[in-house]
Amino acid sequence: MPATEHNFINYKCIRYPKAEMLNRSREYYQFMDRRRTIRDFSDKPVPYEIIENIVMTASTAPSGAHKQPWSFCIVADPELKKEIREAAEKEEYDNYNGRMSEEWLEDLQPFGTDWKKPFLEIAPYLIVIFKKPYDLVDGEKKKNYYVNESVGLAAGFLLTAIHNAGLVAVTHTPSPMNFLHSILKRPENERAFLLIPVGYPGEEVKVPDIDRKAKDEVLIYYP
């Protein structure tokens, strides 16, 4: 079967002088290095348009065969947030009381986490990312490719956009997450991927004093 022909358009990359490239790359790294996961949120309102822009930024991520196998549900309704919190805490209680290994619980101790997740109600928005193993077109299944990789890239874009907007987030992964599919009444081809509360940090919020891995631990250069 012959390949489908597509229209192509010219692409023009912004070309900076080398000195400016170096400065921009350094400043962006330093900016992103200040990003922290926050679990203590303010209930201060955030304009919806900001959240919409953040999600649309995430949707610019690359994806396998440009299938864009994701949906982003923005939850602001207090009753829905309460329902999500109750369901998430049920799963988290079971995780902290039997499902998680002793090693896992030990690794979590420095962060002071437990099964209680009040931020799911306090944060003004919950962004729930769903992945799509396949699309439904006129009732027919159309396979998507590299779904986890594609949605993972979109989630990374999302977190970057949140930080860029001056907001904070936590990547919450209550497992299993099937309750999100049910509560939000999503179609059969969607699977919950990440639950991300977004908003302003709480007053005098504190975060663990941690260090990221050094350059020689993450970067292997082959000249």
C-alpha atoms as a PDB file:
ATOM      1  CA  MET A   1       0.000   0.000   0.000  1.00  0.00           C
ATOM      2  CA  PRO A   2       1.583   3.326  -1.014  1.00  0.00           C
ATOM      3  CA  ALA A   3       2.365   5.850   1.696  1.00  0.00           C
ATOM      4  CA  THR A   4      -0.160   8.635   2.125  1.00  0.00           C
ATOM      5  CA  GLU A   5       1.095  11.938   0.781  1.00  0.00           C
ATOM      6  CA  HIS A   6       1.246  14.827   3.214  1.00  0.00           C
ATOM      7  CA  ASN A   7       1.727  18.515   2.726  1.00  0.00           C
ATOM      8  CA  PHE A   8       4.953  19.923   4.101  1.00  0.00           C
ATOM      9  CA  ILE A   9       5.680  23.485   5.150  1.00  0.00           C
ATOM     10  CA  ASN A  10       8.941  25.312   5.643  1.00  0.00           C
ATOM     11  CA  TYR A  11      10.327  25.381   9.160  1.00  0.00           C
ATOM     12  CA  LYS A  12      12.495  28.225  10.329  1.00  0.00           C
ATOM     13  CA  CYS A  13      14.462  27.783  13.526  1.00  0.00           C
ATOM     14  CA  ILE A  14      15.297  30.862  15.555  1.00  0.00           C
ATOM     15  CA  ARG A  15      19.052  31.249  15.237  1.00  0.00           C
ATOM     16  CA  TYR A  16      20.796  32.964  18.136  1.00  0.00           C
ATOM     17  CA  PRO A  17      24.447  33.985  18.290  1.00  0.00           C
ATOM     18  CA  LYS A  18      26.477  31.338  20.145  1.00  0.00           C
ATOM     19  CA  ALA A  19      27.053  33.577  23.163  1.00  0.00           C
ATOM     20  CA  GLU A  20      23.303  34.182  23.481  1.00  0.00           C
ATOM     21  CA  MET A  21      22.585  30.465  23.049  1.00  0.00           C
ATOM     22  CA  LEU A  22      24.947  29.666  25.894  1.00  0.00           C
ATOM     23  CA  ASN A  23      23.403  32.326  28.114  1.00  0.00           C
ATOM     24  CA  ARG A  24      19.825  31.250  27.318  1.00  0.00           C
ATOM     25  CA  SER A  25      20.602  27.577  27.955  1.00  0.00           C
ATOM     26  CA  ARG A  26      22.301  28.382  31.270  1.00  0.00           C
ATOM     27  CA  GLU A  27      19.521  30.679  32.461  1.00  0.00           C
ATOM     28  CA  TYR A  28      16.844  28.153  31.530  1.00  0.00           C
ATOM     29  CA  TYR A  29      18.650  25.371  33.374  1.00  0.00           C
ATOM     30  CA  GLN A  30      18.978  27.587  36.459  1.00  0.00           C
ATOM     31  CA  PHE A  31      15.284  28.517  36.198  1.00  0.00           C
ATOM     32  CA  MET A  32      14.165  24.887  35.950  1.00  0.00           C
ATOM     33  CA  ASP A  33      16.529  23.830  38.727  1.00  0.00           C
ATOM     34  CA  ARG A  34      14.442  25.979  41.081  1.00  0.00           C
ATOM     35  CA  ARG A  35      11.344  23.881  40.363  1.00  0.00           C
ATOM     36  CA  ARG A  36      10.143  21.855  43.350  1.00  0.00           C
ATOM     37  CA  THR A  37       7.310  19.455  44.018  1.00  0.00           C
ATOM     38  CA  ILE A  38       4.810  21.101  46.388  1.00  0.00           C
ATOM     39  CA  ARG A  39       2.220  19.333  48.542  1.00  0.00           C
ATOM     40  CA  ASP A  40       1.045  22.390  50.505  1.00  0.00           C
ATOM     41  CA  PHE A  41      -1.225  24.468  48.270  1.00  0.00           C
ATOM     42  CA  SER A  42      -3.089  27.730  48.629  1.00  0.00           C
ATOM     43  CA  ASP A  43      -6.744  27.810  47.612  1.00  0.00           C
ATOM     44  CA  LYS A  44      -6.137  31.189  45.953  1.00  0.00           C
ATOM     45  CA  PRO A  45      -7.952  31.242  42.587  1.00  0.00           C
ATOM     46  CA  VAL A  46      -5.965  30.983  39.356  1.00  0.00           C
ATOM     47  CA  PRO A  47      -7.448  32.355  36.118  1.00  0.00           C
ATOM     48  CA  TYR A  48      -8.669  29.466  33.976  1.00  0.00           C
ATOM     49  CA  GLU A  49      -7.022  30.910  30.853  1.00  0.00           C
ATOM     50  CA  ILE A  50      -3.596  30.337  32.454  1.00  0.00           C
ATOM     51  CA  ILE A  51      -4.375  26.659  33.027  1.00  0.00           C
ATOM     52  CA  GLU A  52      -5.730  26.368  29.498  1.00  0.00           C
ATOM     53  CA  ASN A  53      -2.503  27.825  28.073  1.00  0.00           C
ATOM     54  CA  ILE A  54      -0.463  25.421  30.193  1.00  0.00           C
ATOM     55  CA  VAL A  55      -2.398  22.421  28.892  1.00  0.00           C
ATOM     56  CA  MET A  56      -2.160  23.598  25.291  1.00  0.00           C
ATOM     57  CA  THR A  57       1.603  23.915  25.772  1.00  0.00           C
ATOM     58  CA  ALA A  58       1.669  20.283  26.904  1.00  0.00           C
ATOM     59  CA  SER A  59      -0.234  19.342  23.763  1.00  0.00           C
ATOM     60  CA  THR A  60       2.675  20.583  21.617  1.00  0.00           C
ATOM     61  CA  ALA A  61       4.789  17.614  22.756  1.00  0.00           C
ATOM     62  CA  PRO A  62       5.995  15.137  20.118  1.00  0.00           C
ATOM     63  CA  SER A  63       4.154  11.839  19.826  1.00  0.00           C
ATOM     64  CA  GLY A  64       4.441   8.563  17.945  1.00  0.00           C
ATOM     65  CA  ALA A  65       3.171   9.046  14.367  1.00  0.00           C
ATOM     66  CA  HIS A  66       1.752  12.372  15.599  1.00  0.00           C
ATOM     67  CA  LYS A  67      -1.199  10.510  17.118  1.00  0.00           C
ATOM     68  CA  GLN A  68      -1.267  12.802  20.195  1.00  0.00           C
ATOM     69  CA  PRO A  69      -2.654   9.998  22.401  1.00  0.00           C
ATOM     70  CA  TRP A  70      -3.712  12.121  25.356  1.00  0.00           C
ATOM     71  CA  SER A  71      -6.571  13.942  27.021  1.00  0.00           C
ATOM     72  CA  PHE A  72      -6.234  16.543  29.778  1.00  0.00           C
ATOM     73  CA  CYS A  73      -9.172  16.864  32.171  1.00  0.00           C
ATOM     74  CA  ILE A  74      -9.181  20.093  34.190  1.00  0.00           C
ATOM     75  CA  VAL A  75     -11.168  19.645  37.389  1.00  0.00           C
ATOM     76  CA  ALA A  76     -12.214  22.731  39.364  1.00  0.00           C
ATOM     77  CA  ASP A  77     -15.612  21.585  40.695  1.00  0.00           C
ATOM     78  CA  PRO A  78     -15.355  21.222  44.524  1.00  0.00           C
ATOM     79  CA  GLU A  79     -17.641  18.191  44.648  1.00  0.00           C
ATOM     80  CA  LEU A  80     -15.641  16.365  42.004  1.00  0.00           C
ATOM     81  CA  LYS A  81     -12.384  17.217  43.777  1.00  0.00           C
ATOM     82  CA  LYS A  82     -13.811  15.888  47.032  1.00  0.00           C
ATOM     83  CA  GLU A  83     -14.889  12.661  45.329  1.00  0.00           C
ATOM     84  CA  ILE A  84     -11.451  12.265  43.762  1.00  0.00           C
ATOM     85  CA  ARG A  85      -9.757  12.881  47.112  1.00  0.00           C
ATOM     86  CA  GLU A  86     -11.875  10.280  48.890  1.00  0.00           C
ATOM     87  CA  ALA A  87     -11.192   7.658  46.226  1.00  0.00           C
ATOM     88  CA  ALA A  88      -7.477   8.492  46.077  1.00  0.00           C
ATOM     89  CA  GLU A  89      -7.082   8.342  49.857  1.00  0.00           C
ATOM     90  CA  LYS A  90      -8.748   4.934  49.930  1.00  0.00           C
ATOM     91  CA  GLU A  91      -6.143   3.578  47.525  1.00  0.00           C
ATOM     92  CA  GLU A  92      -3.307   5.406  49.278  1.00  0.00           C
ATOM     93  CA  TYR A  93      -4.357   4.042  52.679  1.00  0.00           C
ATOM     94  CA  ASP A  94      -4.089   0.524  51.285  1.00  0.00           C
ATOM     95  CA  ASN A  95      -0.732   1.384  49.731  1.00  0.00           C
ATOM     96  CA  TYR A  96       0.746   2.695  52.977  1.00  0.00           C
ATOM     97  CA  ASN A  97      -0.744  -0.174  54.968  1.00  0.00           C
ATOM     98  CA  GLY A  98       0.306  -3.270  53.078  1.00  0.00           C
ATOM     99  CA  ARG A  99       0.834  -2.729  49.375  1.00  0.00           C
ATOM    100  CA  MET A 100       4.113  -0.832  49.593  1.00  0.00           C
ATOM    101  CA  SER A 101       7.294  -2.665  50.525  1.00  0.00           C
ATOM    102  CA  GLU A 102       9.263  -1.683  53.625  1.00  0.00           C
ATOM    103  CA  GLU A 103      12.034  -0.397  51.369  1.00  0.00           C
ATOM    104  CA  TRP A 104       9.584   1.849  49.513  1.00  0.00           C
ATOM    105  CA  LEU A 105       8.139   3.240  52.748  1.00  0.00           C
ATOM    106  CA  GLU A 106      11.656   3.862  54.044  1.00  0.00           C
ATOM    107  CA  ASP A 107      12.576   5.775  50.878  1.00  0.00           C
ATOM    108  CA  LEU A 108       9.495   7.985  51.356  1.00  0.00           C
ATOM    109  CA  GLN A 109      10.226   8.907  54.970  1.00  0.00           C
ATOM    110  CA  PRO A 110      12.434  11.960  54.182  1.00  0.00           C
ATOM    111  CA  PHE A 111       9.484  13.536  52.363  1.00  0.00           C
ATOM    112  CA  GLY A 112       6.981  13.168  55.189  1.00  0.00           C
ATOM    113  CA  THR A 113       4.241  11.763  52.964  1.00  0.00           C
ATOM    114  CA  ASP A 114       1.329   9.601  54.104  1.00  0.00           C
ATOM    115  CA  TRP A 115      -2.031   8.441  52.769  1.00  0.00           C
ATOM    116  CA  LYS A 116      -3.801  11.723  53.493  1.00  0.00           C
ATOM    117  CA  LYS A 117      -4.001  14.006  50.432  1.00  0.00           C
ATOM    118  CA  PRO A 118      -5.756  17.272  51.375  1.00  0.00           C
ATOM    119  CA  PHE A 119      -4.138  19.059  48.449  1.00  0.00           C
ATOM    120  CA  LEU A 120      -6.583  17.262  46.141  1.00  0.00           C
ATOM    121  CA  GLU A 121      -9.315  19.537  47.491  1.00  0.00           C
ATOM    122  CA  ILE A 122      -7.282  22.646  48.335  1.00  0.00           C
ATOM    123  CA  ALA A 123      -5.523  23.188  44.993  1.00  0.00           C
ATOM    124  CA  PRO A 124      -7.771  25.232  42.684  1.00  0.00           C
ATOM    125  CA  TYR A 125      -7.287  22.802  39.808  1.00  0.00           C
ATOM    126  CA  LEU A 126      -6.589  19.129  39.278  1.00  0.00           C
ATOM    127  CA  ILE A 127      -5.218  18.227  35.865  1.00  0.00           C
ATOM    128  CA  VAL A 128      -5.828  14.567  35.111  1.00  0.00           C
ATOM    129  CA  ILE A 129      -3.856  13.217  32.166  1.00  0.00           C
ATOM    130  CA  PHE A 130      -5.346  10.254  30.341  1.00  0.00           C
ATOM    131  CA  LYS A 131      -3.489   8.170  27.793  1.00  0.00           C
ATOM    132  CA  LYS A 132      -5.154   6.606  24.769  1.00  0.00           C
ATOM    133  CA  PRO A 133      -3.859   3.180  23.692  1.00  0.00           C
ATOM    134  CA  TYR A 134      -6.142   3.571  20.682  1.00  0.00           C
ATOM    135  CA  ASP A 135      -8.505   6.104  19.151  1.00  0.00           C
ATOM    136  CA  LEU A 136     -12.114   5.408  18.261  1.00  0.00           C
ATOM    137  CA  VAL A 137     -13.033   6.567  14.757  1.00  0.00           C
ATOM    138  CA  ASP A 138     -16.611   5.811  13.758  1.00  0.00           C
ATOM    139  CA  GLY A 139     -16.614   2.992  16.292  1.00  0.00           C
ATOM    140  CA  GLU A 140     -13.431   1.456  14.875  1.00  0.00           C
ATOM    141  CA  LYS A 141     -10.238   1.099  16.911  1.00  0.00           C
ATOM    142  CA  LYS A 142      -7.197   2.918  15.487  1.00  0.00           C
ATOM    143  CA  LYS A 143      -3.945   1.982  17.209  1.00  0.00           C
ATOM    144  CA  ASN A 144      -1.676   4.614  18.753  1.00  0.00           C
ATOM    145  CA  TYR A 145       2.096   4.183  18.985  1.00  0.00           C
ATOM    146  CA  TYR A 146       4.633   4.763  21.768  1.00  0.00           C
ATOM    147  CA  VAL A 147       1.761   5.840  23.972  1.00  0.00           C
ATOM    148  CA  ASN A 148       3.560   5.890  27.351  1.00  0.00           C
ATOM    149  CA  GLU A 149       6.555   7.685  25.882  1.00  0.00           C
ATOM    150  CA  SER A 150       4.376  10.254  24.126  1.00  0.00           C
ATOM    151  CA  VAL A 151       2.183  10.988  27.141  1.00  0.00           C
ATOM    152  CA  GLY A 152       5.251  11.097  29.381  1.00  0.00           C
ATOM    153  CA  LEU A 153       6.746  13.773  27.139  1.00  0.00           C
ATOM    154  CA  ALA A 154       3.499  15.764  27.269  1.00  0.00           C
ATOM    155  CA  ALA A 155       3.497  15.510  31.073  1.00  0.00           C
ATOM    156  CA  GLY A 156       7.035  16.911  31.121  1.00  0.00           C
ATOM    157  CA  PHE A 157       5.989  19.822  28.925  1.00  0.00           C
ATOM    158  CA  LEU A 158       3.048  20.397  31.286  1.00  0.00           C
ATOM    159  CA  LEU A 159       5.234  20.584  34.406  1.00  0.00           C
ATOM    160  CA  THR A 160       7.622  22.969  32.660  1.00  0.00           C
ATOM    161  CA  ALA A 161       4.736  25.219  31.625  1.00  0.00           C
ATOM    162  CA  ILE A 162       3.336  25.188  35.179  1.00  0.00           C
ATOM    163  CA  HIS A 163       6.685  26.318  36.583  1.00  0.00           C
ATOM    164  CA  ASN A 164       7.067  28.923  33.838  1.00  0.00           C
ATOM    165  CA  ALA A 165       3.680  30.422  34.789  1.00  0.00           C
ATOM    166  CA  GLY A 166       4.765  30.857  38.419  1.00  0.00           C
ATOM    167  CA  LEU A 167       2.576  28.047  39.738  1.00  0.00           C
ATOM    168  CA  VAL A 168       3.415  24.798  41.525  1.00  0.00           C
ATOM    169  CA  ALA A 169       2.365  21.185  41.173  1.00  0.00           C
ATOM    170  CA  VAL A 170       2.733  17.668  42.504  1.00  0.00           C
ATOM    171  CA  THR A 171       2.671  14.560  40.310  1.00  0.00           C
ATOM    172  CA  HIS A 172       0.258  12.340  42.201  1.00  0.00           C
ATOM    173  CA  THR A 173       0.005   8.683  41.215  1.00  0.00           C
ATOM    174  CA  PRO A 174      -2.462   6.846  43.445  1.00  0.00           C
ATOM    175  CA  SER A 175      -2.351   3.253  42.320  1.00  0.00           C
ATOM    176  CA  PRO A 176      -4.563   1.883  40.908  1.00  0.00           C
ATOM    177  CA  MET A 177      -6.113   4.957  39.275  1.00  0.00           C
ATOM    178  CA  ASN A 178      -9.178   3.372  37.689  1.00  0.00           C
ATOM    179  CA  PHE A 179     -11.425   5.510  39.901  1.00  0.00           C
ATOM    180  CA  LEU A 180     -10.483   8.583  37.854  1.00  0.00           C
ATOM    181  CA  HIS A 181     -11.869   6.995  34.714  1.00  0.00           C
ATOM    182  CA  SER A 182     -15.120   6.250  36.521  1.00  0.00           C
ATOM    183  CA  ILE A 183     -15.535   9.562  38.361  1.00  0.00           C
ATOM    184  CA  LEU A 184     -14.795  11.666  35.266  1.00  0.00           C
ATOM    185  CA  LYS A 185     -16.837   9.382  33.005  1.00  0.00           C
ATOM    186  CA  ARG A 186     -14.113   9.034  30.388  1.00  0.00           C
ATOM    187  CA  PRO A 187     -14.528   6.917  27.226  1.00  0.00           C
ATOM    188  CA  GLU A 188     -13.390   3.290  27.055  1.00  0.00           C
ATOM    189  CA  ASN A 189     -10.179   4.090  25.160  1.00  0.00           C
ATOM    190  CA  GLU A 190      -8.687   6.252  27.945  1.00  0.00           C
ATOM    191  CA  ARG A 191      -6.524   5.199  30.898  1.00  0.00           C
ATOM    192  CA  ALA A 192      -5.538   7.493  33.793  1.00  0.00           C
ATOM    193  CA  PHE A 193      -1.837   8.392  33.585  1.00  0.00           C
ATOM    194  CA  LEU A 194      -1.176  11.202  36.083  1.00  0.00           C
ATOM    195  CA  LEU A 195      -3.126  13.325  38.563  1.00  0.00           C
ATOM    196  CA  ILE A 196      -1.555  16.772  38.944  1.00  0.00           C
ATOM    197  CA  PRO A 197      -2.863  19.374  41.412  1.00  0.00           C
ATOM    198  CA  VAL A 198      -1.914  22.897  40.287  1.00  0.00           C
ATOM    199  CA  GLY A 199      -2.027  26.264  42.016  1.00  0.00           C
ATOM    200  CA  TYR A 200      -0.100  28.688  44.189  1.00  0.00           C
ATOM    201  CA  PRO A 201       2.017  27.395  47.076  1.00  0.00           C
ATOM    202  CA  GLY A 202       0.657  27.687  50.593  1.00  0.00           C
ATOM    203  CA  GLU A 203       1.888  30.398  52.944  1.00  0.00           C
ATOM    204  CA  GLU A 204       5.433  29.733  54.209  1.00  0.00           C
ATOM    205  CA  VAL A 205       5.474  26.391  52.424  1.00  0.00           C
ATOM    206  CA  LYS A 206       8.488  24.181  53.122  1.00  0.00           C
ATOM    207  CA  VAL A 207      10.050  21.551  50.863  1.00  0.00           C
ATOM    208  CA  PRO A 208      12.610  18.826  51.634  1.00  0.00           C
ATOM    209  CA  ASP A 209      16.229  19.989  51.478  1.00  0.00           C
ATOM    210  CA  ILE A 210      17.384  17.698  48.698  1.00  0.00           C
ATOM    211  CA  ASP A 211      20.055  17.798  46.002  1.00  0.00           C
ATOM    212  CA  ARG A 212      19.749  16.691  42.416  1.00  0.00           C
ATOM    213  CA  LYS A 213      22.322  14.308  40.981  1.00  0.00           C
ATOM    214  CA  ALA A 214      25.591  15.911  39.944  1.00  0.00           C
ATOM    215  CA  LYS A 215      26.481  16.384  36.284  1.00  0.00           C
ATOM    216  CA  ASP A 216      28.892  13.453  36.242  1.00  0.00           C
ATOM    217  CA  GLU A 217      26.083  11.185  37.525  1.00  0.00           C
ATOM    218  CA  VAL A 218      23.612  12.013  34.764  1.00  0.00           C
ATOM    219  CA  LEU A 219      25.676  13.094  31.769  1.00  0.00           C
ATOM    220  CA  ILE A 220      27.888  10.708  29.768  1.00  0.00           C
ATOM    221  CA  TYR A 221      29.675  12.462  26.938  1.00  0.00           C
ATOM    222  CA  TYR A 222      31.212  10.654  23.937  1.00  0.00           C
ATOM    223  CA  PRO A 223      33.361  13.227  22.101  1.00  0.00           C
END
